[in-house]
């Protein structure tokens, strides 16, 4: 047996219920068919506890085409005149103590970007920077979610399809090993949308941080770069 989380948009206030994990029998192997068996098993476990749940897998392993399109490796935007995907921009925006960011990689294949950044990282991760906008590491997931939600706004057909679902999963996401999650980002998007504050939240970095969950995994004294830096602050406008 193993377990994976499911992400439920909060309707009474802005946020995501990300505390519940669901057990299921894991189908081992790297074959695509095995991954999809795990998606089915996870969703069956969710519906077993919540019969009214309508889960959607957000990854390349999804049974729904729009779930595949919502993968951060596929969700695209036009940025600086080039087609880019969320994962590439996220990875290339990393600032380390002695390296980064890597804006020349925004339009490259996300797997290449991820490996390149990993190989060329010097020192610990201290911040994210894109278009001269600096993002602290706190709140955790804020920069990733900001990128992801802004990209979603350019795909109204995908947004409309989400109205039929009330929880979201990513079979590859293991909270013991990873922090950012595309299924979490979709759940946050739906919570903001249902609360009627989506456009307000995405109107500026400051408003987004106002609504974003204030989860912290590192102390301020650990951060090498603070928001009070002299770097120019501006809204990241897709």
Protein backbone atom coordinates (compact mmCIF):
# COMPACT_ATOMS: atom_id res chain seq x y z
CA UNK A 1 0.00 0.00 0.00
CA UNK A 2 1.00 3.57 -0.59
CA UNK A 3 -0.70 6.94 -0.28
CA UNK A 4 -0.96 10.15 -2.26
CA UNK A 5 -2.69 13.46 -1.47
CA UNK A 6 -5.72 14.96 -3.17
CA UNK A 7 -6.29 18.70 -3.27
CA UNK A 8 -9.73 20.14 -2.57
CA UNK A 9 -10.49 23.81 -3.29
CA UNK A 10 -11.89 25.55 -0.25
CA UNK A 11 -15.19 27.23 -0.91
CA UNK A 12 -15.81 28.98 2.39
CA UNK A 13 -12.53 30.89 2.13
CA UNK A 14 -9.56 31.04 -0.20
CA UNK A 15 -7.25 28.09 0.20
CA UNK A 16 -6.66 24.42 -0.47
CA UNK A 17 -7.37 21.42 1.72
CA UNK A 18 -4.13 19.52 1.18
CA UNK A 19 -3.96 17.54 4.40
CA UNK A 20 -5.68 14.34 3.28
CA UNK A 21 -3.84 11.38 1.81
CA UNK A 22 -5.55 8.32 0.36
CA UNK A 23 -4.20 4.80 0.49
CA UNK A 24 -4.25 2.44 -2.47
CA UNK A 25 -2.36 -0.53 -3.85
CA UNK A 26 0.61 0.74 -5.86
CA UNK A 27 1.19 -0.75 -9.30
CA UNK A 28 4.98 -0.81 -9.75
CA UNK A 29 6.78 -0.10 -12.99
CA UNK A 30 7.55 2.81 -15.28
CA UNK A 31 5.15 1.89 -18.07
CA UNK A 32 2.50 4.47 -18.90
CA UNK A 33 -0.21 1.86 -18.33
CA UNK A 34 1.07 1.25 -14.80
CA UNK A 35 0.96 4.97 -14.04
CA UNK A 36 -2.63 5.17 -15.19
CA UNK A 37 -3.56 2.14 -13.07
CA UNK A 38 -2.27 4.10 -10.09
CA UNK A 39 -4.38 7.10 -11.07
CA UNK A 40 -7.48 4.88 -11.18
CA UNK A 41 -6.61 3.30 -7.82
CA UNK A 42 -6.07 6.69 -6.20
CA UNK A 43 -9.33 8.06 -7.55
CA UNK A 44 -11.22 4.96 -6.43
CA UNK A 45 -9.80 5.48 -2.93
CA UNK A 46 -10.93 9.12 -2.94
CA UNK A 47 -14.46 8.22 -4.07
CA UNK A 48 -14.56 5.43 -1.50
CA UNK A 49 -14.27 8.04 1.24
CA UNK A 50 -16.12 10.83 -0.54
CA UNK A 51 -18.79 9.40 -2.89
CA UNK A 52 -19.53 12.86 -4.27
CA UNK A 53 -15.92 13.52 -5.19
CA UNK A 54 -15.10 14.13 -8.85
CA UNK A 55 -11.30 13.90 -9.06
CA UNK A 56 -9.22 15.01 -12.03
CA UNK A 57 -5.62 13.95 -12.58
CA UNK A 58 -3.42 16.90 -13.54
CA UNK A 59 -0.47 15.34 -15.34
CA UNK A 60 0.58 13.61 -18.52
CA UNK A 61 -0.90 10.42 -17.00
CA UNK A 62 -4.44 11.85 -16.94
CA UNK A 63 -7.26 10.05 -18.73
CA UNK A 64 -8.64 13.46 -19.74
CA UNK A 65 -6.91 15.44 -22.47
CA UNK A 66 -7.32 18.72 -20.63
CA UNK A 67 -5.71 17.12 -17.57
CA UNK A 68 -2.72 16.35 -19.77
CA UNK A 69 -2.72 19.89 -21.18
CA UNK A 70 -2.69 21.27 -17.64
CA UNK A 71 0.58 19.53 -16.86
CA UNK A 72 3.24 22.16 -16.09
CA UNK A 73 5.32 20.46 -18.78
CA UNK A 74 2.58 21.20 -21.34
CA UNK A 75 0.77 24.33 -20.13
CA UNK A 76 2.06 26.96 -22.51
CA UNK A 77 2.17 30.72 -22.76
CA UNK A 78 3.66 33.18 -25.21
CA UNK A 79 6.41 34.98 -23.37
CA UNK A 80 8.78 37.48 -25.01
CA UNK A 81 7.38 36.37 -28.37
CA UNK A 82 8.19 32.70 -27.82
CA UNK A 83 6.16 29.70 -26.74
CA UNK A 84 7.19 28.67 -23.23
CA UNK A 85 5.82 26.21 -20.72
CA UNK A 86 5.40 26.80 -17.00
CA UNK A 87 8.00 24.26 -15.92
CA UNK A 88 10.73 25.82 -18.09
CA UNK A 89 10.09 29.34 -16.78
CA UNK A 90 9.96 28.09 -13.19
CA UNK A 91 13.25 26.20 -13.41
CA UNK A 92 15.05 28.93 -15.36
CA UNK A 93 13.99 31.59 -12.83
CA UNK A 94 15.88 29.99 -9.96
CA UNK A 95 18.51 32.12 -8.25
CA UNK A 96 21.29 30.38 -6.39
CA UNK A 97 24.03 31.93 -4.27
CA UNK A 98 26.45 31.96 -7.20
CA UNK A 99 24.38 31.20 -10.30
CA UNK A 100 21.11 32.00 -12.05
CA UNK A 101 18.61 32.94 -13.11
CA UNK A 102 18.75 31.52 -16.65
CA UNK A 103 16.29 33.53 -18.82
CA UNK A 104 17.87 32.27 -22.03
CA UNK A 105 16.29 28.89 -21.24
CA UNK A 106 12.65 30.00 -20.95
CA UNK A 107 11.64 28.55 -24.32
CA UNK A 108 13.69 25.34 -24.10
CA UNK A 109 12.34 21.87 -23.39
CA UNK A 110 11.44 21.66 -19.67
CA UNK A 111 13.37 18.45 -19.09
CA UNK A 112 16.48 19.98 -20.61
CA UNK A 113 16.02 23.12 -18.49
CA UNK A 114 15.53 21.14 -15.29
CA UNK A 115 18.68 19.09 -15.88
CA UNK A 116 20.73 22.12 -16.97
CA UNK A 117 19.77 24.15 -13.90
CA UNK A 118 20.50 21.22 -11.61
CA UNK A 119 23.95 20.72 -13.16
CA UNK A 120 24.82 24.43 -13.06
CA UNK A 121 23.45 25.32 -9.64
CA UNK A 122 26.14 26.85 -7.41
CA UNK A 123 25.24 27.26 -3.78
CA UNK A 124 21.80 26.97 -2.26
CA UNK A 125 18.58 28.26 -3.76
CA UNK A 126 17.89 31.76 -2.41
CA UNK A 127 15.09 33.25 -4.55
CA UNK A 128 13.36 33.36 -7.92
CA UNK A 129 13.70 36.18 -10.43
CA UNK A 130 11.85 36.79 -13.69
CA UNK A 131 11.53 40.04 -15.66
CA UNK A 132 13.40 41.80 -12.84
CA UNK A 133 10.70 40.68 -10.38
CA UNK A 134 12.16 39.06 -7.30
CA UNK A 135 10.26 36.39 -5.38
CA UNK A 136 11.28 35.21 -1.94
CA UNK A 137 11.20 31.53 -1.06
CA UNK A 138 8.36 32.33 1.34
CA UNK A 139 5.49 31.70 1.21
CA UNK A 140 6.43 28.34 -0.19
CA UNK A 141 4.91 27.51 -3.58
CA UNK A 142 3.88 31.14 -4.16
CA UNK A 143 6.11 31.79 -7.17
CA UNK A 144 5.26 28.48 -8.81
CA UNK A 145 1.54 29.04 -8.27
CA UNK A 146 1.77 32.62 -9.58
CA UNK A 147 3.35 31.36 -12.81
CA UNK A 148 0.92 28.51 -13.16
CA UNK A 149 -2.26 30.51 -12.51
CA UNK A 150 -1.24 33.30 -14.88
CA UNK A 151 -0.62 30.72 -17.59
CA UNK A 152 -4.03 29.16 -16.96
CA UNK A 153 -5.69 32.50 -17.65
CA UNK A 154 -4.63 32.15 -21.28
CA UNK A 155 -6.55 28.88 -21.69
CA UNK A 156 -10.27 29.59 -21.09
CA UNK A 157 -11.25 26.25 -22.60
CA UNK A 158 -9.31 24.45 -19.86
CA UNK A 159 -10.79 26.65 -17.14
CA UNK A 160 -14.32 25.87 -18.32
CA UNK A 161 -13.63 22.13 -18.24
CA UNK A 162 -12.61 22.30 -14.57
CA UNK A 163 -16.14 23.18 -13.46
CA UNK A 164 -17.02 19.48 -13.54
CA UNK A 165 -14.44 18.53 -10.89
CA UNK A 166 -14.03 19.24 -7.19
CA UNK A 167 -10.67 17.71 -6.33
CA UNK A 168 -7.35 17.31 -8.13
CA UNK A 169 -4.46 14.86 -8.07
CA UNK A 170 -0.97 14.42 -9.48
CA UNK A 171 0.09 10.80 -9.30
CA UNK A 172 3.79 11.70 -9.59
CA UNK A 173 3.69 14.14 -6.67
CA UNK A 174 5.09 12.81 -3.42
CA UNK A 175 4.96 15.44 -0.62
CA UNK A 176 7.85 13.70 1.10
CA UNK A 177 10.09 14.47 -1.86
CA UNK A 178 8.61 17.54 -3.59
CA UNK A 179 7.09 20.88 -2.68
CA UNK A 180 5.38 22.40 -5.73
CA UNK A 181 2.45 20.60 -7.28
CA UNK A 182 0.38 21.39 -10.36
CA UNK A 183 -2.73 19.78 -8.84
CA UNK A 184 -2.41 22.08 -5.82
CA UNK A 185 -2.13 25.06 -8.17
CA UNK A 186 -5.32 24.08 -9.99
CA UNK A 187 -7.17 23.68 -6.68
CA UNK A 188 -6.00 27.15 -5.59
CA UNK A 189 -7.16 28.57 -8.92
CA UNK A 190 -10.63 27.09 -8.44
CA UNK A 191 -10.83 28.38 -4.86
CA UNK A 192 -9.97 31.92 -6.00
CA UNK A 193 -12.46 31.61 -8.86
CA UNK A 194 -15.29 30.37 -6.64
CA UNK A 195 -14.57 33.14 -4.12
CA UNK A 196 -14.87 35.73 -6.89
CA UNK A 197 -11.41 37.17 -6.28
CA UNK A 198 -9.43 35.51 -9.08
CA UNK A 199 -8.83 38.64 -11.14
CA UNK A 200 -8.05 40.70 -8.06
CA UNK A 201 -5.55 38.11 -6.82
CA UNK A 202 -3.76 38.05 -10.17
CA UNK A 203 -3.74 41.83 -10.57
CA UNK A 204 -0.38 42.20 -8.81
CA UNK A 205 2.25 40.30 -6.92
CA UNK A 206 1.18 41.97 -3.69
CA UNK A 207 -2.49 40.99 -4.07
CA UNK A 208 -1.52 37.44 -4.94
CA UNK A 209 0.61 37.14 -1.83
CA UNK A 210 -2.29 38.55 0.18
CA UNK A 211 -4.50 35.62 -0.86
CA UNK A 212 -1.84 32.91 -1.03
CA UNK A 213 -1.61 30.47 1.91
CA UNK A 214 1.12 31.65 4.27
CA UNK A 215 2.91 28.34 4.62
CA UNK A 216 6.53 28.66 5.69
CA UNK A 217 9.20 25.94 5.53
CA UNK A 218 12.26 28.09 6.20
CA UNK A 219 12.96 30.93 8.61
CA UNK A 220 13.57 34.46 7.42
CA UNK A 221 17.12 34.25 8.73
CA UNK A 222 17.75 31.41 6.27
CA UNK A 223 16.84 33.54 3.25
CA UNK A 224 19.81 35.17 1.57
CA UNK A 225 17.65 37.50 -0.52
CA UNK A 226 14.70 39.43 0.91
CA UNK A 227 11.88 41.30 -0.77
CA UNK A 228 13.55 44.53 0.41
CA UNK A 229 16.29 44.05 -2.19
CA UNK A 230 17.09 46.98 -4.45
CA UNK A 231 16.06 44.94 -7.47
CA UNK A 232 13.15 46.54 -9.33
CA UNK A 233 9.79 45.20 -8.20
CA UNK A 234 7.04 44.91 -10.80
CA UNK A 235 4.15 42.66 -11.67
CA UNK A 236 5.02 39.63 -13.77
CA UNK A 237 2.65 40.25 -16.64
CA UNK A 238 2.17 37.46 -19.14
